[in-house]
Amino acid sequence: MMKWLQFITPVKSMDYEQTQTYITDHPAEDITILDVRQPSEYEQSHIPGARLIPLPQLPDRLSEINPVKPIFVY
């Protein structure tokens, strides 16, 4: 089994305000907001523009993520 974390450059965590500022200051097409929760959680509420890839599916769907863009995972 492939470990997906090896494809992501770790960074320190950002709080809500830092994240909101970053998202506001950058065009949507220049960042990826990745929601790794379950579909039912995503349907209840999600960040506008977030892409849903549930965590258990992530290793098989890494090719769907642009590794050049900053990725916000929640």
PDB file of N, CA and C in Angstrom:
ATOM      1  N   MET A   1       0.827  -1.174   0.000  1.00  0.00           N
ATOM      2  CA  MET A   1       0.000   0.000   0.000  1.00  0.00           C
ATOM      3  C   MET A   1       0.880   1.249   0.000  1.00  0.00           C
ATOM      4  N   MET A   2       0.528   2.211  -0.834  1.00  0.00           N
ATOM      5  CA  MET A   2       1.293   3.443  -0.945  1.00  0.00           C
ATOM      6  C   MET A   2       0.881   4.410   0.170  1.00  0.00           C
ATOM      7  N   LYS A   3       1.831   5.048   0.772  1.00  0.00           N
ATOM      8  CA  LYS A   3       1.539   6.033   1.812  1.00  0.00           C
ATOM      9  C   LYS A   3       1.418   7.398   1.164  1.00  0.00           C
ATOM     10  N   TRP A   4       0.250   7.992   1.267  1.00  0.00           N
ATOM     11  CA  TRP A   4      -0.021   9.254   0.584  1.00  0.00           C
ATOM     12  C   TRP A   4       0.724  10.432   1.182  1.00  0.00           C
ATOM     13  N   LEU A   5       1.076  10.373   2.450  1.00  0.00           N
ATOM     14  CA  LEU A   5       1.762  11.508   3.072  1.00  0.00           C
ATOM     15  C   LEU A   5       3.107  11.821   2.426  1.00  0.00           C
ATOM     16  N   GLN A   6       3.727  10.841   1.800  1.00  0.00           N
ATOM     17  CA  GLN A   6       5.015  11.085   1.175  1.00  0.00           C
ATOM     18  C   GLN A   6       4.907  12.038  -0.012  1.00  0.00           C
ATOM     19  N   PHE A   7       3.709  12.291  -0.504  1.00  0.00           N
ATOM     20  CA  PHE A   7       3.516  13.175  -1.643  1.00  0.00           C
ATOM     21  C   PHE A   7       3.155  14.598  -1.240  1.00  0.00           C
ATOM     22  N   ILE A   8       3.028  14.851   0.048  1.00  0.00           N
ATOM     23  CA  ILE A   8       2.630  16.157   0.539  1.00  0.00           C
ATOM     24  C   ILE A   8       3.746  16.731   1.388  1.00  0.00           C
ATOM     25  N   THR A   9       4.114  17.969   1.110  1.00  0.00           N
ATOM     26  CA  THR A   9       5.131  18.639   1.899  1.00  0.00           C
ATOM     27  C   THR A   9       4.465  19.176   3.160  1.00  0.00           C
ATOM     28  N   PRO A  10       4.834  18.666   4.303  1.00  0.00           N
ATOM     29  CA  PRO A  10       4.200  19.130   5.543  1.00  0.00           C
ATOM     30  C   PRO A  10       4.529  20.595   5.832  1.00  0.00           C
ATOM     31  N   VAL A  11       3.571  21.268   6.372  1.00  0.00           N
ATOM     32  CA  VAL A  11       3.749  22.644   6.822  1.00  0.00           C
ATOM     33  C   VAL A  11       3.097  22.769   8.181  1.00  0.00           C
ATOM     34  N   LYS A  12       3.390  23.866   8.857  1.00  0.00           N
ATOM     35  CA  LYS A  12       2.751  24.041  10.149  1.00  0.00           C
ATOM     36  C   LYS A  12       1.268  24.284   9.944  1.00  0.00           C
ATOM     37  N   SER A  13       0.505  23.991  10.950  1.00  0.00           N
ATOM     38  CA  SER A  13      -0.928  24.215  10.895  1.00  0.00           C
ATOM     39  C   SER A  13      -1.227  25.701  10.856  1.00  0.00           C
ATOM     40  N   MET A  14      -2.317  26.025  10.211  1.00  0.00           N
ATOM     41  CA  MET A  14      -2.774  27.407  10.153  1.00  0.00           C
ATOM     42  C   MET A  14      -4.101  27.487  10.897  1.00  0.00           C
ATOM     43  N   ASP A  15      -4.298  28.572  11.615  1.00  0.00           N
ATOM     44  CA  ASP A  15      -5.585  28.726  12.286  1.00  0.00           C
ATOM     45  C   ASP A  15      -6.613  29.267  11.292  1.00  0.00           C
ATOM     46  N   TYR A  16      -7.842  29.405  11.750  1.00  0.00           N
ATOM     47  CA  TYR A  16      -8.932  29.820  10.877  1.00  0.00           C
ATOM     48  C   TYR A  16      -8.636  31.159  10.197  1.00  0.00           C
ATOM     49  N   GLU A  17      -8.195  32.134  10.974  1.00  0.00           N
ATOM     50  CA  GLU A  17      -7.952  33.465  10.408  1.00  0.00           C
ATOM     51  C   GLU A  17      -6.845  33.444   9.355  1.00  0.00           C
ATOM     52  N   GLN A  18      -5.771  32.722   9.615  1.00  0.00           N
ATOM     53  CA  GLN A  18      -4.674  32.629   8.646  1.00  0.00           C
ATOM     54  C   GLN A  18      -5.165  31.951   7.360  1.00  0.00           C
ATOM     55  N   THR A  19      -5.929  30.900   7.523  1.00  0.00           N
ATOM     56  CA  THR A  19      -6.452  30.176   6.365  1.00  0.00           C
ATOM     57  C   THR A  19      -7.397  31.057   5.564  1.00  0.00           C
ATOM     58  N   GLN A  20      -8.306  31.723   6.249  1.00  0.00           N
ATOM     59  CA  GLN A  20      -9.266  32.601   5.583  1.00  0.00           C
ATOM     60  C   GLN A  20      -8.545  33.706   4.809  1.00  0.00           C
ATOM     61  N   THR A  21      -7.539  34.296   5.416  1.00  0.00           N
ATOM     62  CA  THR A  21      -6.766  35.351   4.753  1.00  0.00           C
ATOM     63  C   THR A  21      -6.076  34.811   3.506  1.00  0.00           C
ATOM     64  N   TYR A  22      -5.454  33.651   3.619  1.00  0.00           N
ATOM     65  CA  TYR A  22      -4.755  33.060   2.475  1.00  0.00           C
ATOM     66  C   TYR A  22      -5.731  32.793   1.334  1.00  0.00           C
ATOM     67  N   ILE A  23      -6.857  32.176   1.659  1.00  0.00           N
ATOM     68  CA  ILE A  23      -7.851  31.847   0.630  1.00  0.00           C
ATOM     69  C   ILE A  23      -8.395  33.120  -0.017  1.00  0.00           C
ATOM     70  N   THR A  24      -8.639  34.137   0.781  1.00  0.00           N
ATOM     71  CA  THR A  24      -9.159  35.404   0.261  1.00  0.00           C
ATOM     72  C   THR A  24      -8.141  36.107  -0.636  1.00  0.00           C
ATOM     73  N   ASP A  25      -6.873  36.005  -0.283  1.00  0.00           N
ATOM     74  CA  ASP A  25      -5.820  36.715  -1.007  1.00  0.00           C
ATOM     75  C   ASP A  25      -5.310  35.996  -2.262  1.00  0.00           C
ATOM     76  N   HIS A  26      -5.785  34.788  -2.509  1.00  0.00           N
ATOM     77  CA  HIS A  26      -5.306  34.022  -3.665  1.00  0.00           C
ATOM     78  C   HIS A  26      -6.494  33.569  -4.519  1.00  0.00           C
ATOM     79  N   PRO A  27      -6.353  33.622  -5.838  1.00  0.00           N
ATOM     80  CA  PRO A  27      -7.437  33.159  -6.710  1.00  0.00           C
ATOM     81  C   PRO A  27      -7.745  31.681  -6.463  1.00  0.00           C
ATOM     82  N   ALA A  28      -9.015  31.332  -6.547  1.00  0.00           N
ATOM     83  CA  ALA A  28      -9.451  29.950  -6.285  1.00  0.00           C
ATOM     84  C   ALA A  28      -8.722  28.938  -7.161  1.00  0.00           C
ATOM     85  N   GLU A  29      -8.409  29.327  -8.385  1.00  0.00           N
ATOM     86  CA  GLU A  29      -7.745  28.381  -9.283  1.00  0.00           C
ATOM     87  C   GLU A  29      -6.273  28.149  -8.930  1.00  0.00           C
ATOM     88  N   ASP A  30      -5.742  28.950  -7.993  1.00  0.00           N
ATOM     89  CA  ASP A  30      -4.344  28.805  -7.593  1.00  0.00           C
ATOM     90  C   ASP A  30      -4.146  27.969  -6.334  1.00  0.00           C
ATOM     91  N   ILE A  31      -5.233  27.501  -5.718  1.00  0.00           N
ATOM     92  CA  ILE A  31      -5.128  26.683  -4.512  1.00  0.00           C
ATOM     93  C   ILE A  31      -6.100  25.513  -4.604  1.00  0.00           C
ATOM     94  N   THR A  32      -5.834  24.495  -3.812  1.00  0.00           N
ATOM     95  CA  THR A  32      -6.748  23.362  -3.697  1.00  0.00           C
ATOM     96  C   THR A  32      -7.192  23.267  -2.250  1.00  0.00           C
ATOM     97  N   ILE A  33      -8.496  23.228  -2.073  1.00  0.00           N
ATOM     98  CA  ILE A  33      -9.060  23.000  -0.745  1.00  0.00           C
ATOM     99  C   ILE A  33      -9.596  21.579  -0.774  1.00  0.00           C
ATOM    100  N   LEU A  34      -8.983  20.728   0.022  1.00  0.00           N
ATOM    101  CA  LEU A  34      -9.291  19.300  -0.007  1.00  0.00           C
ATOM    102  C   LEU A  34     -10.019  18.893   1.264  1.00  0.00           C
ATOM    103  N   ASP A  35     -11.244  18.434   1.102  1.00  0.00           N
ATOM    104  CA  ASP A  35     -12.069  17.962   2.212  1.00  0.00           C
ATOM    105  C   ASP A  35     -11.942  16.443   2.253  1.00  0.00           C
ATOM    106  N   VAL A  36     -11.383  15.908   3.317  1.00  0.00           N
ATOM    107  CA  VAL A  36     -11.149  14.460   3.423  1.00  0.00           C
ATOM    108  C   VAL A  36     -12.160  13.771   4.336  1.00  0.00           C
ATOM    109  N   ARG A  37     -13.243  14.480   4.635  1.00  0.00           N
ATOM    110  CA  ARG A  37     -14.287  13.886   5.467  1.00  0.00           C
ATOM    111  C   ARG A  37     -15.167  12.964   4.629  1.00  0.00           C
ATOM    112  N   GLN A  38     -16.173  12.401   5.234  1.00  0.00           N
ATOM    113  CA  GLN A  38     -17.102  11.512   4.547  1.00  0.00           C
ATOM    114  C   GLN A  38     -18.132  12.330   3.766  1.00  0.00           C
ATOM    115  N   PRO A  39     -18.717  11.756   2.711  1.00  0.00           N
ATOM    116  CA  PRO A  39     -19.685  12.491   1.897  1.00  0.00           C
ATOM    117  C   PRO A  39     -20.841  13.103   2.697  1.00  0.00           C
ATOM    118  N   SER A  40     -21.332  12.403   3.689  1.00  0.00           N
ATOM    119  CA  SER A  40     -22.442  12.944   4.481  1.00  0.00           C
ATOM    120  C   SER A  40     -22.021  14.204   5.234  1.00  0.00           C
ATOM    121  N   GLU A  41     -20.778  14.237   5.704  1.00  0.00           N
ATOM    122  CA  GLU A  41     -20.271  15.428   6.391  1.00  0.00           C
ATOM    123  C   GLU A  41     -20.119  16.585   5.398  1.00  0.00           C
ATOM    124  N   TYR A  42     -19.619  16.265   4.210  1.00  0.00           N
ATOM    125  CA  TYR A  42     -19.441  17.268   3.165  1.00  0.00           C
ATOM    126  C   TYR A  42     -20.791  17.871   2.772  1.00  0.00           C
ATOM    127  N   GLU A  43     -21.807  17.023   2.637  1.00  0.00           N
ATOM    128  CA  GLU A  43     -23.133  17.498   2.251  1.00  0.00           C
ATOM    129  C   GLU A  43     -23.731  18.418   3.308  1.00  0.00           C
ATOM    130  N   GLN A  44     -23.447  18.161   4.568  1.00  0.00           N
ATOM    131  CA  GLN A  44     -23.973  19.007   5.639  1.00  0.00           C
ATOM    132  C   GLN A  44     -23.382  20.403   5.585  1.00  0.00           C
ATOM    133  N   SER A  45     -22.100  20.493   5.327  1.00  0.00           N
ATOM    134  CA  SER A  45     -21.415  21.778   5.281  1.00  0.00           C
ATOM    135  C   SER A  45     -20.001  21.575   4.760  1.00  0.00           C
ATOM    136  N   HIS A  46     -19.564  22.503   3.929  1.00  0.00           N
ATOM    137  CA  HIS A  46     -18.185  22.462   3.437  1.00  0.00           C
ATOM    138  C   HIS A  46     -17.760  23.853   2.993  1.00  0.00           C
ATOM    139  N   ILE A  47     -16.465  24.028   2.862  1.00  0.00           N
ATOM    140  CA  ILE A  47     -15.919  25.287   2.379  1.00  0.00           C
ATOM    141  C   ILE A  47     -16.244  25.390   0.889  1.00  0.00           C
ATOM    142  N   PRO A  48     -16.807  26.520   0.449  1.00  0.00           N
ATOM    143  CA  PRO A  48     -17.094  26.666  -0.982  1.00  0.00           C
ATOM    144  C   PRO A  48     -15.847  26.422  -1.829  1.00  0.00           C
ATOM    145  N   GLY A  49     -16.013  25.626  -2.855  1.00  0.00           N
ATOM    146  CA  GLY A  49     -14.906  25.308  -3.750  1.00  0.00           C
ATOM    147  C   GLY A  49     -14.072  24.119  -3.304  1.00  0.00           C
ATOM    148  N   ALA A  50     -14.384  23.551  -2.136  1.00  0.00           N
ATOM    149  CA  ALA A  50     -13.610  22.406  -1.635  1.00  0.00           C
ATOM    150  C   ALA A  50     -13.886  21.173  -2.479  1.00  0.00           C
ATOM    151  N   ARG A  51     -12.853  20.396  -2.680  1.00  0.00           N
ATOM    152  CA  ARG A  51     -12.959  19.134  -3.411  1.00  0.00           C
ATOM    153  C   ARG A  51     -13.051  18.002  -2.391  1.00  0.00           C
ATOM    154  N   LEU A  52     -14.031  17.143  -2.554  1.00  0.00           N
ATOM    155  CA  LEU A  52     -14.217  16.020  -1.636  1.00  0.00           C
ATOM    156  C   LEU A  52     -13.471  14.792  -2.135  1.00  0.00           C
ATOM    157  N   ILE A  53     -12.535  14.334  -1.331  1.00  0.00           N
ATOM    158  CA  ILE A  53     -11.894  13.030  -1.523  1.00  0.00           C
ATOM    159  C   ILE A  53     -11.776  12.432  -0.120  1.00  0.00           C
ATOM    160  N   PRO A  54     -12.707  11.558   0.255  1.00  0.00           N
ATOM    161  CA  PRO A  54     -12.645  10.977   1.600  1.00  0.00           C
ATOM    162  C   PRO A  54     -11.285  10.327   1.869  1.00  0.00           C
ATOM    163  N   LEU A  55     -10.812  10.490   3.084  1.00  0.00           N
ATOM    164  CA  LEU A  55      -9.479  10.012   3.454  1.00  0.00           C
ATOM    165  C   LEU A  55      -9.207   8.570   3.036  1.00  0.00           C
ATOM    166  N   PRO A  56     -10.136   7.624   3.222  1.00  0.00           N
ATOM    167  CA  PRO A  56      -9.829   6.251   2.797  1.00  0.00           C
ATOM    168  C   PRO A  56      -9.590   6.113   1.285  1.00  0.00           C
ATOM    169  N   GLN A  57     -10.103   7.046   0.483  1.00  0.00           N
ATOM    170  CA  GLN A  57      -9.943   6.988  -0.972  1.00  0.00           C
ATOM    171  C   GLN A  57      -8.700   7.733  -1.461  1.00  0.00           C
ATOM    172  N   LEU A  58      -8.114   8.529  -0.599  1.00  0.00           N
ATOM    173  CA  LEU A  58      -7.035   9.407  -1.011  1.00  0.00           C
ATOM    174  C   LEU A  58      -5.863   8.697  -1.696  1.00  0.00           C
ATOM    175  N   PRO A  59      -5.370   7.596  -1.178  1.00  0.00           N
ATOM    176  CA  PRO A  59      -4.229   6.950  -1.863  1.00  0.00           C
ATOM    177  C   PRO A  59      -4.519   6.588  -3.317  1.00  0.00           C
ATOM    178  N   ASP A  60      -5.758   6.212  -3.623  1.00  0.00           N
ATOM    179  CA  ASP A  60      -6.113   5.815  -4.980  1.00  0.00           C
ATOM    180  C   ASP A  60      -6.468   7.001  -5.874  1.00  0.00           C
ATOM    181  N   ARG A  61      -6.611   8.187  -5.284  1.00  0.00           N
ATOM    182  CA  ARG A  61      -7.061   9.347  -6.060  1.00  0.00           C
ATOM    183  C   ARG A  61      -6.048  10.496  -6.062  1.00  0.00           C
ATOM    184  N   LEU A  62      -4.820  10.217  -5.686  1.00  0.00           N
ATOM    185  CA  LEU A  62      -3.795  11.263  -5.656  1.00  0.00           C
ATOM    186  C   LEU A  62      -3.594  11.936  -7.001  1.00  0.00           C
ATOM    187  N   SER A  63      -3.807  11.218  -8.074  1.00  0.00           N
ATOM    188  CA  SER A  63      -3.606  11.799  -9.405  1.00  0.00           C
ATOM    189  C   SER A  63      -4.601  12.918  -9.703  1.00  0.00           C
ATOM    190  N   GLU A  64      -5.657  13.037  -8.910  1.00  0.00           N
ATOM    191  CA  GLU A  64      -6.659  14.083  -9.103  1.00  0.00           C
ATOM    192  C   GLU A  64      -6.242  15.416  -8.471  1.00  0.00           C
ATOM    193  N   ILE A  65      -5.138  15.410  -7.748  1.00  0.00           N
ATOM    194  CA  ILE A  65      -4.697  16.597  -7.033  1.00  0.00           C
ATOM    195  C   ILE A  65      -3.454  17.164  -7.709  1.00  0.00           C
ATOM    196  N   ASN A  66      -3.491  18.455  -7.982  1.00  0.00           N
ATOM    197  CA  ASN A  66      -2.343  19.124  -8.590  1.00  0.00           C
ATOM    198  C   ASN A  66      -1.289  19.360  -7.503  1.00  0.00           C
ATOM    199  N   PRO A  67      -0.147  18.680  -7.574  1.00  0.00           N
ATOM    200  CA  PRO A  67       0.852  18.812  -6.510  1.00  0.00           C
ATOM    201  C   PRO A  67       1.601  20.147  -6.515  1.00  0.00           C
ATOM    202  N   VAL A  68       1.432  20.942  -7.562  1.00  0.00           N
ATOM    203  CA  VAL A  68       2.113  22.222  -7.659  1.00  0.00           C
ATOM    204  C   VAL A  68       1.397  23.306  -6.844  1.00  0.00           C
ATOM    205  N   LYS A  69       0.088  23.194  -6.747  1.00  0.00           N
ATOM    206  CA  LYS A  69      -0.695  24.183  -6.008  1.00  0.00           C
ATOM    207  C   LYS A  69      -0.620  23.938  -4.506  1.00  0.00           C
ATOM    208  N   PRO A  70      -0.720  24.992  -3.708  1.00  0.00           N
ATOM    209  CA  PRO A  70      -0.868  24.788  -2.258  1.00  0.00           C
ATOM    210  C   PRO A  70      -2.169  24.025  -1.993  1.00  0.00           C
ATOM    211  N   ILE A  71      -2.120  23.094  -1.042  1.00  0.00           N
ATOM    212  CA  ILE A  71      -3.284  22.272  -0.731  1.00  0.00           C
ATOM    213  C   ILE A  71      -3.652  22.481   0.726  1.00  0.00           C
ATOM    214  N   PHE A  72      -4.887  22.880   0.937  1.00  0.00           N
ATOM    215  CA  PHE A  72      -5.423  22.996   2.296  1.00  0.00           C
ATOM    216  C   PHE A  72      -6.268  21.763   2.543  1.00  0.00           C
ATOM    217  N   VAL A  73      -5.893  20.976   3.534  1.00  0.00           N
ATOM    218  CA  VAL A  73      -6.583  19.729   3.833  1.00  0.00           C
ATOM    219  C   VAL A  73      -7.338  19.876   5.147  1.00  0.00           C
ATOM    220  N   TYR A  74      -8.625  19.495   5.104  1.00  0.00           N
ATOM    221  CA  TYR A  74      -9.391  19.475   6.341  1.00  0.00           C
ATOM    222  C   TYR A  74     -10.360  18.330   6.321  1.00  0.00           C
TER     223      TYR A  74
END
